[in-house]
Amino acid sequence: MDKLYNKLEDTTITQAPVRGPRKPQKQEHRLNDDITANQVRLIDENGEQAGIVAIEQALDMSEKAGMDLIEVVPNAEPPVCRIIDYGKFRFEEQKKQSAARKKQHTTTVKEITLRPGTEEHDYQVKLKKIREFIEKGDKVKVTVRFRGRELSHQTKGMVQLERIIADLTEVAKVDNRPRMEGRQMNMMLSPDSKK
């Protein structure tokens, strides 16, 4: 029992660190009394232009409507303010931002590798894949790899890359012409925006 008691004396109880109050999130738009301009261009709760009014009048109108006065365009002269519920306004802004993110397309670089002795069927399969990538809007790096004695037959690799260029003239443009880099020959294709 004494051993157990001694072990209890040796252990110290540590308390979890106390966290301070959360930092308030930075507001992107000024609200109600935070608006410093003397006059504002007002958009009422129905989304219609109310004209240029004094800030006091705009605050009274927003209070009567039971909504917030939000400074939407602070850099305008006078600043543009809107009467709307702030929660609804933030929700609409987030929807606009997510829709813009969905519409934007990031271009990625895909790589297709060939050998100097690639057979016709394999060539057609890889050509079809390159065409799919180009039509999606991606760039394609086409590489011909040489092994061993194949390095002495660089013209075969050049012929293959020139054939790819000829087969894809209607959908792709050449960013980098074929060139040797060590034991491989590379070229870069991208979607042709004119076509």
N, C-alpha and C. Protein backbone atom coordinates (compact mmCIF):
# COMPACT_ATOMS: atom_id res chain seq x y z
N MET A 1 0.82 -1.19 0.00
CA MET A 1 0.00 0.00 0.00
C MET A 1 0.86 1.25 0.00
N ASP A 2 2.00 1.17 0.76
CA ASP A 2 2.89 2.31 0.80
C ASP A 2 3.47 2.59 -0.59
N LYS A 3 3.76 1.49 -1.34
CA LYS A 3 4.30 1.68 -2.69
C LYS A 3 3.31 2.42 -3.58
N LEU A 4 2.05 2.04 -3.48
CA LEU A 4 1.01 2.66 -4.29
C LEU A 4 0.88 4.14 -3.91
N TYR A 5 0.93 4.42 -2.62
CA TYR A 5 0.81 5.79 -2.14
C TYR A 5 1.99 6.64 -2.63
N ASN A 6 3.19 6.04 -2.61
CA ASN A 6 4.37 6.76 -3.08
C ASN A 6 4.27 7.08 -4.57
N LYS A 7 3.72 6.13 -5.34
CA LYS A 7 3.55 6.37 -6.78
C LYS A 7 2.57 7.51 -7.00
N LEU A 8 1.52 7.56 -6.21
CA LEU A 8 0.54 8.63 -6.36
C LEU A 8 1.16 9.98 -6.02
N GLU A 9 2.03 10.00 -5.03
CA GLU A 9 2.68 11.26 -4.66
C GLU A 9 3.61 11.74 -5.78
N ASP A 10 4.25 10.81 -6.49
CA ASP A 10 5.20 11.17 -7.54
C ASP A 10 4.50 11.73 -8.79
N THR A 11 3.29 11.29 -9.02
CA THR A 11 2.61 11.77 -10.23
C THR A 11 2.06 13.16 -10.01
N THR A 12 2.26 13.99 -10.96
CA THR A 12 1.72 15.33 -10.87
C THR A 12 0.63 15.47 -11.91
N ILE A 13 -0.38 16.14 -11.52
CA ILE A 13 -1.52 16.33 -12.42
C ILE A 13 -1.29 17.62 -13.19
N THR A 14 -1.29 17.48 -14.50
CA THR A 14 -1.12 18.67 -15.34
C THR A 14 -2.46 19.07 -15.90
N GLN A 15 -2.68 20.32 -15.94
CA GLN A 15 -3.94 20.84 -16.41
C GLN A 15 -3.79 21.26 -17.88
N ALA A 16 -4.83 21.06 -18.63
CA ALA A 16 -4.80 21.47 -20.03
C ALA A 16 -4.64 22.98 -20.11
N PRO A 17 -3.92 23.47 -21.12
CA PRO A 17 -3.75 24.92 -21.22
C PRO A 17 -5.08 25.62 -21.45
N VAL A 18 -5.24 26.74 -20.81
CA VAL A 18 -6.48 27.51 -20.93
C VAL A 18 -6.36 28.36 -22.19
N ARG A 19 -7.35 28.22 -23.03
CA ARG A 19 -7.36 29.00 -24.27
C ARG A 19 -8.06 30.32 -24.02
N GLY A 20 -7.51 31.32 -24.65
CA GLY A 20 -8.10 32.65 -24.52
C GLY A 20 -9.33 32.77 -25.40
N PRO A 21 -9.96 33.90 -25.37
CA PRO A 21 -11.15 34.10 -26.21
C PRO A 21 -10.77 34.04 -27.68
N ARG A 22 -11.70 33.59 -28.48
CA ARG A 22 -11.45 33.51 -29.92
C ARG A 22 -11.32 34.89 -30.51
N LYS A 23 -10.43 34.98 -31.48
CA LYS A 23 -10.26 36.25 -32.16
C LYS A 23 -11.43 36.45 -33.11
N PRO A 24 -12.00 37.62 -33.13
CA PRO A 24 -13.12 37.84 -34.05
C PRO A 24 -12.63 37.79 -35.48
N GLN A 25 -13.47 37.24 -36.36
CA GLN A 25 -13.10 37.16 -37.77
C GLN A 25 -13.12 38.56 -38.37
N LYS A 26 -12.17 38.80 -39.25
CA LYS A 26 -12.08 40.10 -39.89
C LYS A 26 -13.24 40.24 -40.88
N GLN A 27 -13.98 41.33 -40.75
CA GLN A 27 -15.09 41.56 -41.66
C GLN A 27 -14.56 42.23 -42.91
N GLU A 28 -15.05 41.76 -44.04
CA GLU A 28 -14.60 42.31 -45.32
C GLU A 28 -15.32 43.62 -45.64
N HIS A 29 -16.51 43.78 -45.10
CA HIS A 29 -17.33 44.96 -45.40
C HIS A 29 -17.69 45.66 -44.09
N ARG A 30 -17.79 46.99 -44.16
CA ARG A 30 -18.21 47.73 -42.98
C ARG A 30 -19.72 47.62 -42.83
N LEU A 31 -20.16 47.56 -41.58
CA LEU A 31 -21.58 47.44 -41.28
C LEU A 31 -22.06 48.63 -40.48
N ASN A 32 -23.30 49.00 -40.66
CA ASN A 32 -24.05 49.96 -39.86
C ASN A 32 -23.21 51.15 -39.37
N ASP A 33 -22.92 51.22 -38.07
CA ASP A 33 -22.23 52.38 -37.49
C ASP A 33 -20.76 52.45 -37.84
N ASP A 34 -20.18 51.40 -38.42
CA ASP A 34 -18.77 51.41 -38.80
C ASP A 34 -18.52 52.20 -40.09
N ILE A 35 -19.58 52.51 -40.82
CA ILE A 35 -19.45 53.25 -42.07
C ILE A 35 -19.13 54.71 -41.74
N THR A 36 -18.04 55.23 -42.31
CA THR A 36 -17.56 56.56 -41.93
C THR A 36 -17.95 57.68 -42.88
N ALA A 37 -18.48 57.38 -44.04
CA ALA A 37 -18.81 58.41 -45.02
C ALA A 37 -20.01 59.24 -44.55
N ASN A 38 -20.08 60.51 -44.99
CA ASN A 38 -21.21 61.37 -44.65
C ASN A 38 -22.42 61.08 -45.52
N GLN A 39 -22.15 60.77 -46.80
CA GLN A 39 -23.21 60.43 -47.74
C GLN A 39 -22.88 59.11 -48.41
N VAL A 40 -23.94 58.37 -48.78
CA VAL A 40 -23.75 57.08 -49.45
C VAL A 40 -24.73 56.96 -50.61
N ARG A 41 -24.33 56.18 -51.60
CA ARG A 41 -25.26 55.81 -52.67
C ARG A 41 -25.97 54.56 -52.18
N LEU A 42 -27.28 54.63 -52.01
CA LEU A 42 -28.02 53.59 -51.30
C LEU A 42 -28.79 52.68 -52.26
N ILE A 43 -28.70 51.39 -51.99
CA ILE A 43 -29.54 50.39 -52.66
C ILE A 43 -30.45 49.84 -51.58
N ASP A 44 -31.76 49.97 -51.78
CA ASP A 44 -32.70 49.58 -50.71
C ASP A 44 -32.88 48.07 -50.61
N GLU A 45 -33.75 47.63 -49.70
CA GLU A 45 -33.93 46.19 -49.45
C GLU A 45 -34.53 45.44 -50.64
N ASN A 46 -35.14 46.17 -51.60
CA ASN A 46 -35.70 45.53 -52.79
C ASN A 46 -34.68 45.46 -53.93
N GLY A 47 -33.47 46.00 -53.69
CA GLY A 47 -32.43 45.97 -54.71
C GLY A 47 -32.51 47.13 -55.68
N GLU A 48 -33.31 48.16 -55.36
CA GLU A 48 -33.48 49.30 -56.24
C GLU A 48 -32.64 50.48 -55.74
N GLN A 49 -32.21 51.33 -56.67
CA GLN A 49 -31.41 52.50 -56.33
C GLN A 49 -32.28 53.51 -55.58
N ALA A 50 -31.82 53.95 -54.43
CA ALA A 50 -32.53 54.97 -53.66
C ALA A 50 -31.85 56.32 -53.82
N GLY A 51 -30.72 56.37 -54.52
CA GLY A 51 -30.01 57.62 -54.75
C GLY A 51 -28.97 57.88 -53.68
N ILE A 52 -28.46 59.12 -53.68
CA ILE A 52 -27.45 59.52 -52.70
C ILE A 52 -28.18 60.11 -51.50
N VAL A 53 -27.92 59.52 -50.33
CA VAL A 53 -28.59 59.97 -49.11
C VAL A 53 -27.55 60.16 -48.00
N ALA A 54 -27.94 60.88 -46.96
CA ALA A 54 -27.06 61.05 -45.80
C ALA A 54 -26.97 59.73 -45.04
N ILE A 55 -25.86 59.50 -44.37
CA ILE A 55 -25.63 58.24 -43.67
C ILE A 55 -26.69 58.00 -42.59
N GLU A 56 -27.12 59.08 -41.92
CA GLU A 56 -28.14 58.95 -40.86
C GLU A 56 -29.45 58.44 -41.44
N GLN A 57 -29.83 58.99 -42.59
CA GLN A 57 -31.06 58.56 -43.24
C GLN A 57 -30.96 57.09 -43.68
N ALA A 58 -29.80 56.69 -44.20
CA ALA A 58 -29.60 55.30 -44.63
C ALA A 58 -29.68 54.36 -43.44
N LEU A 59 -29.09 54.76 -42.31
CA LEU A 59 -29.16 53.93 -41.10
C LEU A 59 -30.59 53.82 -40.59
N ASP A 60 -31.35 54.90 -40.65
CA ASP A 60 -32.76 54.86 -40.22
C ASP A 60 -33.57 53.92 -41.11
N MET A 61 -33.32 53.99 -42.43
CA MET A 61 -34.06 53.12 -43.36
C MET A 61 -33.73 51.65 -43.10
N SER A 62 -32.46 51.35 -42.83
CA SER A 62 -32.08 49.95 -42.57
C SER A 62 -32.67 49.46 -41.26
N GLU A 63 -32.74 50.36 -40.26
CA GLU A 63 -33.31 49.97 -38.96
C GLU A 63 -34.80 49.70 -39.10
N LYS A 64 -35.52 50.55 -39.87
CA LYS A 64 -36.96 50.35 -40.09
C LYS A 64 -37.22 49.03 -40.83
N ALA A 65 -36.31 48.67 -41.73
CA ALA A 65 -36.47 47.43 -42.49
C ALA A 65 -36.05 46.22 -41.66
N GLY A 66 -35.37 46.45 -40.53
CA GLY A 66 -34.91 45.34 -39.68
C GLY A 66 -33.73 44.60 -40.28
N MET A 67 -32.95 45.34 -41.05
CA MET A 67 -31.80 44.74 -41.72
C MET A 67 -30.55 45.55 -41.44
N ASP A 68 -29.44 45.13 -42.05
CA ASP A 68 -28.17 45.82 -41.86
C ASP A 68 -27.87 46.73 -43.04
N LEU A 69 -27.08 47.77 -42.78
CA LEU A 69 -26.56 48.63 -43.83
C LEU A 69 -25.13 48.19 -44.07
N ILE A 70 -24.84 47.71 -45.28
CA ILE A 70 -23.52 47.16 -45.60
C ILE A 70 -22.87 48.00 -46.69
N GLU A 71 -21.60 48.37 -46.47
CA GLU A 71 -20.84 49.12 -47.45
C GLU A 71 -20.27 48.12 -48.46
N VAL A 72 -20.87 48.10 -49.67
CA VAL A 72 -20.49 47.09 -50.66
C VAL A 72 -19.32 47.54 -51.53
N VAL A 73 -19.28 48.80 -51.92
CA VAL A 73 -18.19 49.32 -52.73
C VAL A 73 -17.60 50.53 -51.99
N PRO A 74 -16.59 50.30 -51.15
CA PRO A 74 -16.07 51.40 -50.34
C PRO A 74 -15.24 52.42 -51.12
N ASN A 75 -14.69 52.05 -52.28
CA ASN A 75 -13.81 52.95 -53.03
C ASN A 75 -14.56 53.91 -53.93
N ALA A 76 -15.86 53.72 -54.10
CA ALA A 76 -16.64 54.61 -54.97
C ALA A 76 -16.82 55.96 -54.28
N GLU A 77 -17.20 56.98 -55.06
CA GLU A 77 -17.40 58.31 -54.49
C GLU A 77 -18.82 58.74 -54.79
N PRO A 78 -19.75 58.77 -53.91
CA PRO A 78 -19.72 58.30 -52.52
C PRO A 78 -19.80 56.76 -52.48
N PRO A 79 -19.43 56.14 -51.34
CA PRO A 79 -19.46 54.68 -51.24
C PRO A 79 -20.87 54.11 -51.46
N VAL A 80 -20.92 52.93 -52.05
CA VAL A 80 -22.20 52.28 -52.31
C VAL A 80 -22.55 51.40 -51.11
N CYS A 81 -23.75 51.60 -50.56
CA CYS A 81 -24.22 50.81 -49.42
C CYS A 81 -25.52 50.13 -49.80
N ARG A 82 -25.77 49.01 -49.17
CA ARG A 82 -26.96 48.21 -49.47
C ARG A 82 -27.66 47.81 -48.18
N ILE A 83 -28.97 47.84 -48.20
CA ILE A 83 -29.75 47.39 -47.06
C ILE A 83 -30.09 45.92 -47.29
N ILE A 84 -29.54 45.05 -46.44
CA ILE A 84 -29.74 43.61 -46.59
C ILE A 84 -29.34 42.94 -45.29
N ASP A 85 -29.86 41.76 -45.04
CA ASP A 85 -29.45 40.99 -43.87
C ASP A 85 -28.01 40.53 -44.09
N TYR A 86 -27.12 40.76 -43.12
CA TYR A 86 -25.70 40.47 -43.30
C TYR A 86 -25.44 38.98 -43.52
N GLY A 87 -26.17 38.11 -42.84
CA GLY A 87 -26.01 36.67 -43.03
C GLY A 87 -26.35 36.26 -44.46
N LYS A 88 -27.44 36.81 -44.98
CA LYS A 88 -27.84 36.52 -46.36
C LYS A 88 -26.79 37.05 -47.35
N PHE A 89 -26.27 38.25 -47.06
CA PHE A 89 -25.27 38.86 -47.92
C PHE A 89 -24.01 38.00 -47.98
N ARG A 90 -23.54 37.52 -46.82
CA ARG A 90 -22.34 36.66 -46.78
C ARG A 90 -22.58 35.36 -47.52
N PHE A 91 -23.78 34.79 -47.39
CA PHE A 91 -24.12 33.56 -48.09
C PHE A 91 -24.06 33.76 -49.60
N GLU A 92 -24.62 34.88 -50.09
CA GLU A 92 -24.59 35.17 -51.52
C GLU A 92 -23.15 35.35 -52.02
N GLU A 93 -22.31 36.03 -51.22
CA GLU A 93 -20.91 36.23 -51.60
C GLU A 93 -20.18 34.89 -51.70
N GLN A 94 -20.42 33.99 -50.74
CA GLN A 94 -19.77 32.68 -50.76
C GLN A 94 -20.22 31.87 -51.97
N LYS A 95 -21.51 31.97 -52.33
CA LYS A 95 -22.02 31.27 -53.51
C LYS A 95 -21.34 31.78 -54.78
N LYS A 96 -21.16 33.10 -54.87
CA LYS A 96 -20.49 33.68 -56.05
C LYS A 96 -19.05 33.20 -56.14
N GLN A 97 -18.35 33.18 -55.00
CA GLN A 97 -16.95 32.75 -55.00
C GLN A 97 -16.82 31.28 -55.38
N SER A 98 -17.71 30.43 -54.86
CA SER A 98 -17.61 29.00 -55.20
C SER A 98 -17.96 28.77 -56.67
N ALA A 99 -18.90 29.54 -57.21
CA ALA A 99 -19.23 29.40 -58.64
C ALA A 99 -18.05 29.84 -59.50
N ALA A 100 -17.34 30.89 -59.07
CA ALA A 100 -16.17 31.34 -59.83
C ALA A 100 -15.06 30.30 -59.77
N ARG A 101 -14.90 29.63 -58.62
CA ARG A 101 -13.87 28.59 -58.51
C ARG A 101 -14.20 27.40 -59.40
N LYS A 102 -15.50 27.06 -59.50
CA LYS A 102 -15.89 25.93 -60.34
C LYS A 102 -15.63 26.22 -61.81
N LYS A 103 -15.82 27.48 -62.22
CA LYS A 103 -15.65 27.83 -63.62
C LYS A 103 -14.20 27.89 -64.05
N GLN A 104 -13.30 28.20 -63.11
CA GLN A 104 -11.91 28.34 -63.51
C GLN A 104 -11.29 26.97 -63.74
N HIS A 105 -10.50 26.88 -64.79
CA HIS A 105 -9.88 25.62 -65.18
C HIS A 105 -8.37 25.75 -65.04
N THR A 106 -7.80 24.85 -64.28
CA THR A 106 -6.35 24.87 -64.13
C THR A 106 -5.75 23.97 -65.21
N THR A 107 -4.77 24.50 -65.90
CA THR A 107 -4.12 23.74 -66.96
C THR A 107 -3.06 22.84 -66.35
N THR A 108 -3.16 21.57 -66.68
CA THR A 108 -2.15 20.63 -66.20
C THR A 108 -1.37 20.10 -67.38
N VAL A 109 -0.17 19.62 -67.10
CA VAL A 109 0.67 19.06 -68.16
C VAL A 109 0.62 17.54 -68.05
N LYS A 110 0.15 16.89 -69.08
CA LYS A 110 0.11 15.44 -69.16
C LYS A 110 1.31 14.98 -69.99
N GLU A 111 1.80 13.78 -69.71
CA GLU A 111 2.95 13.30 -70.47
C GLU A 111 2.62 11.96 -71.12
N ILE A 112 2.94 11.86 -72.39
CA ILE A 112 2.79 10.62 -73.15
C ILE A 112 4.18 10.20 -73.61
N THR A 113 4.52 8.93 -73.38
CA THR A 113 5.84 8.43 -73.72
C THR A 113 5.75 7.42 -74.85
N LEU A 114 6.63 7.57 -75.83
CA LEU A 114 6.72 6.64 -76.96
C LEU A 114 8.14 6.08 -77.02
N ARG A 115 8.30 5.06 -77.85
CA ARG A 115 9.62 4.51 -78.16
C ARG A 115 9.81 4.66 -79.66
N PRO A 116 11.03 4.65 -80.13
CA PRO A 116 11.25 4.80 -81.58
C PRO A 116 10.59 3.69 -82.40
N GLY A 117 10.43 2.51 -81.80
CA GLY A 117 9.84 1.40 -82.54
C GLY A 117 8.38 1.14 -82.18
N THR A 118 7.64 2.16 -81.74
CA THR A 118 6.23 1.99 -81.37
C THR A 118 5.42 1.56 -82.59
N GLU A 119 4.65 0.47 -82.43
CA GLU A 119 3.85 -0.07 -83.54
C GLU A 119 2.65 0.83 -83.83
N GLU A 120 2.00 0.60 -84.98
CA GLU A 120 0.92 1.46 -85.46
C GLU A 120 -0.26 1.50 -84.50
N HIS A 121 -0.69 0.35 -84.01
CA HIS A 121 -1.85 0.32 -83.11
C HIS A 121 -1.57 1.11 -81.83
N ASP A 122 -0.40 0.90 -81.23
CA ASP A 122 -0.02 1.62 -80.02
C ASP A 122 0.06 3.12 -80.29
N TYR A 123 0.57 3.46 -81.47
CA TYR A 123 0.66 4.87 -81.86
C TYR A 123 -0.74 5.50 -81.90
N GLN A 124 -1.71 4.78 -82.50
CA GLN A 124 -3.07 5.30 -82.62
C GLN A 124 -3.73 5.47 -81.25
N VAL A 125 -3.47 4.52 -80.33
CA VAL A 125 -4.03 4.61 -78.98
C VAL A 125 -3.47 5.84 -78.27
N LYS A 126 -2.16 6.06 -78.38
CA LYS A 126 -1.53 7.21 -77.72
C LYS A 126 -1.97 8.52 -78.37
N LEU A 127 -2.15 8.52 -79.68
CA LEU A 127 -2.63 9.71 -80.38
C LEU A 127 -4.04 10.08 -79.92
N LYS A 128 -4.88 9.06 -79.74
CA LYS A 128 -6.24 9.29 -79.26
C LYS A 128 -6.22 9.90 -77.86
N LYS A 129 -5.33 9.40 -77.00
CA LYS A 129 -5.21 9.91 -75.64
C LYS A 129 -4.72 11.36 -75.64
N ILE A 130 -3.75 11.67 -76.51
CA ILE A 130 -3.25 13.04 -76.62
C ILE A 130 -4.39 13.97 -77.04
N ARG A 131 -5.19 13.52 -78.02
CA ARG A 131 -6.32 14.33 -78.50
C ARG A 131 -7.30 14.60 -77.36
N GLU A 132 -7.59 13.58 -76.53
CA GLU A 132 -8.51 13.76 -75.39
C GLU A 132 -7.97 14.81 -74.42
N PHE A 133 -6.68 14.72 -74.10
CA PHE A 133 -6.07 15.69 -73.18
C PHE A 133 -6.17 17.10 -73.73
N ILE A 134 -5.85 17.25 -75.02
CA ILE A 134 -5.87 18.57 -75.67
C ILE A 134 -7.30 19.13 -75.65
N GLU A 135 -8.29 18.29 -75.95
CA GLU A 135 -9.67 18.77 -75.99
C GLU A 135 -10.19 19.15 -74.61
N LYS A 136 -9.64 18.56 -73.56
CA LYS A 136 -10.00 18.95 -72.18
C LYS A 136 -9.35 20.27 -71.79
N GLY A 137 -8.35 20.72 -72.56
CA GLY A 137 -7.67 21.97 -72.26
C GLY A 137 -6.33 21.80 -71.58
N ASP A 138 -5.83 20.57 -71.51
CA ASP A 138 -4.53 20.33 -70.88
C ASP A 138 -3.40 20.43 -71.89
N LYS A 139 -2.21 20.73 -71.39
CA LYS A 139 -1.02 20.69 -72.24
C LYS A 139 -0.49 19.26 -72.21
N VAL A 140 0.20 18.86 -73.28
CA VAL A 140 0.73 17.50 -73.37
C VAL A 140 2.20 17.56 -73.73
N LYS A 141 3.01 16.86 -72.92
CA LYS A 141 4.44 16.72 -73.22
C LYS A 141 4.61 15.34 -73.84
N VAL A 142 5.06 15.31 -75.07
CA VAL A 142 5.25 14.04 -75.79
C VAL A 142 6.75 13.73 -75.76
N THR A 143 7.09 12.53 -75.27
CA THR A 143 8.48 12.13 -75.10
C THR A 143 8.75 10.85 -75.86
N VAL A 144 9.85 10.81 -76.60
CA VAL A 144 10.33 9.57 -77.23
C VAL A 144 11.59 9.18 -76.47
N ARG A 145 11.56 7.99 -75.84
CA ARG A 145 12.71 7.53 -75.05
C ARG A 145 13.54 6.56 -75.89
N PHE A 146 14.85 6.74 -75.81
CA PHE A 146 15.79 5.89 -76.54
C PHE A 146 16.56 5.05 -75.54
N ARG A 147 16.70 3.74 -75.85
CA ARG A 147 17.51 2.84 -75.02
C ARG A 147 18.64 2.27 -75.85
N GLY A 148 19.78 2.16 -75.23
CA GLY A 148 20.92 1.48 -75.87
C GLY A 148 21.24 1.99 -77.25
N ARG A 149 21.21 1.08 -78.23
CA ARG A 149 21.59 1.42 -79.60
C ARG A 149 20.54 2.26 -80.32
N GLU A 150 19.33 2.35 -79.74
CA GLU A 150 18.29 3.16 -80.37
C GLU A 150 18.72 4.62 -80.49
N LEU A 151 19.65 5.03 -79.66
CA LEU A 151 20.11 6.41 -79.66
C LEU A 151 20.72 6.81 -81.01
N SER A 152 21.23 5.83 -81.74
CA SER A 152 21.80 6.14 -83.05
C SER A 152 20.72 6.34 -84.12
N HIS A 153 19.44 6.06 -83.78
CA HIS A 153 18.33 6.21 -84.73
C HIS A 153 17.40 7.34 -84.29
N GLN A 154 17.96 8.50 -84.05
CA GLN A 154 17.17 9.64 -83.59
C GLN A 154 16.18 10.12 -84.64
N THR A 155 16.47 9.85 -85.89
CA THR A 155 15.55 10.29 -86.95
C THR A 155 14.20 9.59 -86.84
N LYS A 156 14.17 8.34 -86.34
CA LYS A 156 12.89 7.64 -86.15
C LYS A 156 12.03 8.38 -85.12
N GLY A 157 12.67 8.84 -84.06
CA GLY A 157 11.94 9.60 -83.03
C GLY A 157 11.41 10.91 -83.59
N MET A 158 12.24 11.59 -84.38
CA MET A 158 11.83 12.86 -84.98
C MET A 158 10.66 12.65 -85.94
N VAL A 159 10.70 11.56 -86.71
CA VAL A 159 9.61 11.25 -87.64
C VAL A 159 8.31 11.03 -86.88
N GLN A 160 8.37 10.31 -85.74
CA GLN A 160 7.16 10.07 -84.95
C GLN A 160 6.58 11.38 -84.41
N LEU A 161 7.43 12.24 -83.88
CA LEU A 161 6.93 13.50 -83.32
C LEU A 161 6.36 14.40 -84.40
N GLU A 162 7.00 14.44 -85.57
CA GLU A 162 6.47 15.24 -86.68
C GLU A 162 5.12 14.68 -87.15
N ARG A 163 4.97 13.36 -87.11
CA ARG A 163 3.70 12.73 -87.49
C ARG A 163 2.59 13.12 -86.51
N ILE A 164 2.92 13.17 -85.21
CA ILE A 164 1.94 13.58 -84.20
C ILE A 164 1.51 15.02 -84.46
N ILE A 165 2.48 15.88 -84.77
CA ILE A 165 2.15 17.28 -85.06
C ILE A 165 1.21 17.36 -86.25
N ALA A 166 1.49 16.60 -87.29
CA ALA A 166 0.65 16.62 -88.50
C ALA A 166 -0.75 16.08 -88.21
N ASP A 167 -0.84 15.02 -87.38
CA ASP A 167 -2.14 14.42 -87.08
C ASP A 167 -3.01 15.29 -86.17
N LEU A 168 -2.41 16.21 -85.43
CA LEU A 168 -3.17 17.02 -84.48
C LEU A 168 -3.22 18.50 -84.85
N THR A 169 -2.94 18.84 -86.10
CA THR A 169 -2.90 20.27 -86.48
C THR A 169 -4.23 20.97 -86.26
N GLU A 170 -5.36 20.25 -86.36
CA GLU A 170 -6.67 20.90 -86.22
C GLU A 170 -7.03 21.22 -84.77
N VAL A 171 -6.41 20.58 -83.77
CA VAL A 171 -6.77 20.82 -82.37
C VAL A 171 -5.63 21.35 -81.51
N ALA A 172 -4.39 21.19 -81.95
CA ALA A 172 -3.25 21.55 -81.08
C ALA A 172 -2.25 22.43 -81.81
N LYS A 173 -1.49 23.18 -81.00
CA LYS A 173 -0.38 23.94 -81.53
C LYS A 173 0.88 23.51 -80.79
N VAL A 174 2.02 23.70 -81.41
CA VAL A 174 3.28 23.26 -80.84
C VAL A 174 3.88 24.41 -80.03
N ASP A 175 4.07 24.19 -78.74
CA ASP A 175 4.72 25.20 -77.90
C ASP A 175 6.24 25.08 -78.01
N ASN A 176 6.76 23.87 -77.87
CA ASN A 176 8.20 23.61 -78.00
C ASN A 176 8.40 22.57 -79.09
N ARG A 177 9.20 22.90 -80.07
CA ARG A 177 9.51 21.97 -81.15
C ARG A 177 10.30 20.78 -80.59
N PRO A 178 10.30 19.62 -81.27
CA PRO A 178 11.04 18.45 -80.79
C PRO A 178 12.53 18.75 -80.65
N ARG A 179 13.10 18.33 -79.52
CA ARG A 179 14.54 18.50 -79.30
C ARG A 179 15.04 17.41 -78.37
N MET A 180 16.32 17.11 -78.50
CA MET A 180 16.94 16.06 -77.69
C MET A 180 17.34 16.61 -76.33
N GLU A 181 17.07 15.81 -75.29
CA GLU A 181 17.52 16.12 -73.94
C GLU A 181 18.03 14.81 -73.35
N GLY A 182 19.30 14.60 -73.40
CA GLY A 182 19.87 13.34 -72.90
C GLY A 182 19.48 12.18 -73.78
N ARG A 183 18.81 11.19 -73.22
CA ARG A 183 18.40 10.01 -73.98
C ARG A 183 16.94 10.08 -74.42
N GLN A 184 16.36 11.26 -74.40
CA GLN A 184 14.97 11.38 -74.85
C GLN A 184 14.76 12.63 -75.68
N MET A 185 13.74 12.57 -76.53
CA MET A 185 13.38 13.69 -77.39
C MET A 185 12.00 14.17 -76.93
N ASN A 186 11.88 15.47 -76.65
CA ASN A 186 10.63 16.02 -76.11
C ASN A 186 10.05 17.10 -77.00
N MET A 187 8.73 17.26 -76.89
CA MET A 187 8.05 18.42 -77.46
C MET A 187 6.81 18.68 -76.62
N MET A 188 6.32 19.92 -76.67
CA MET A 188 5.16 20.32 -75.88
C MET A 188 4.05 20.78 -76.80
N LEU A 189 2.84 20.25 -76.57
CA LEU A 189 1.66 20.64 -77.33
C LEU A 189 0.66 21.29 -76.39
N SER A 190 -0.11 22.25 -76.91
CA SER A 190 -1.16 22.88 -76.12
C SER A 190 -2.38 23.08 -76.99
N PRO A 191 -3.55 23.27 -76.38
CA PRO A 191 -4.77 23.46 -77.17
C PRO A 191 -4.67 24.71 -78.04
N ASP A 192 -5.17 24.62 -79.25
CA ASP A 192 -5.14 25.76 -80.16
C ASP A 192 -6.43 26.54 -79.95
N SER A 193 -6.36 27.71 -79.36
CA SER A 193 -7.55 28.48 -79.04
C SER A 193 -8.22 29.08 -80.27
N LYS A 194 -7.51 29.18 -81.39
CA LYS A 194 -8.07 29.77 -82.60
C LYS A 194 -9.05 28.84 -83.28
N LYS A 195 -8.90 27.52 -82.99
CA LYS A 195 -9.70 26.56 -83.76
C LYS A 195 -10.85 26.03 -82.95
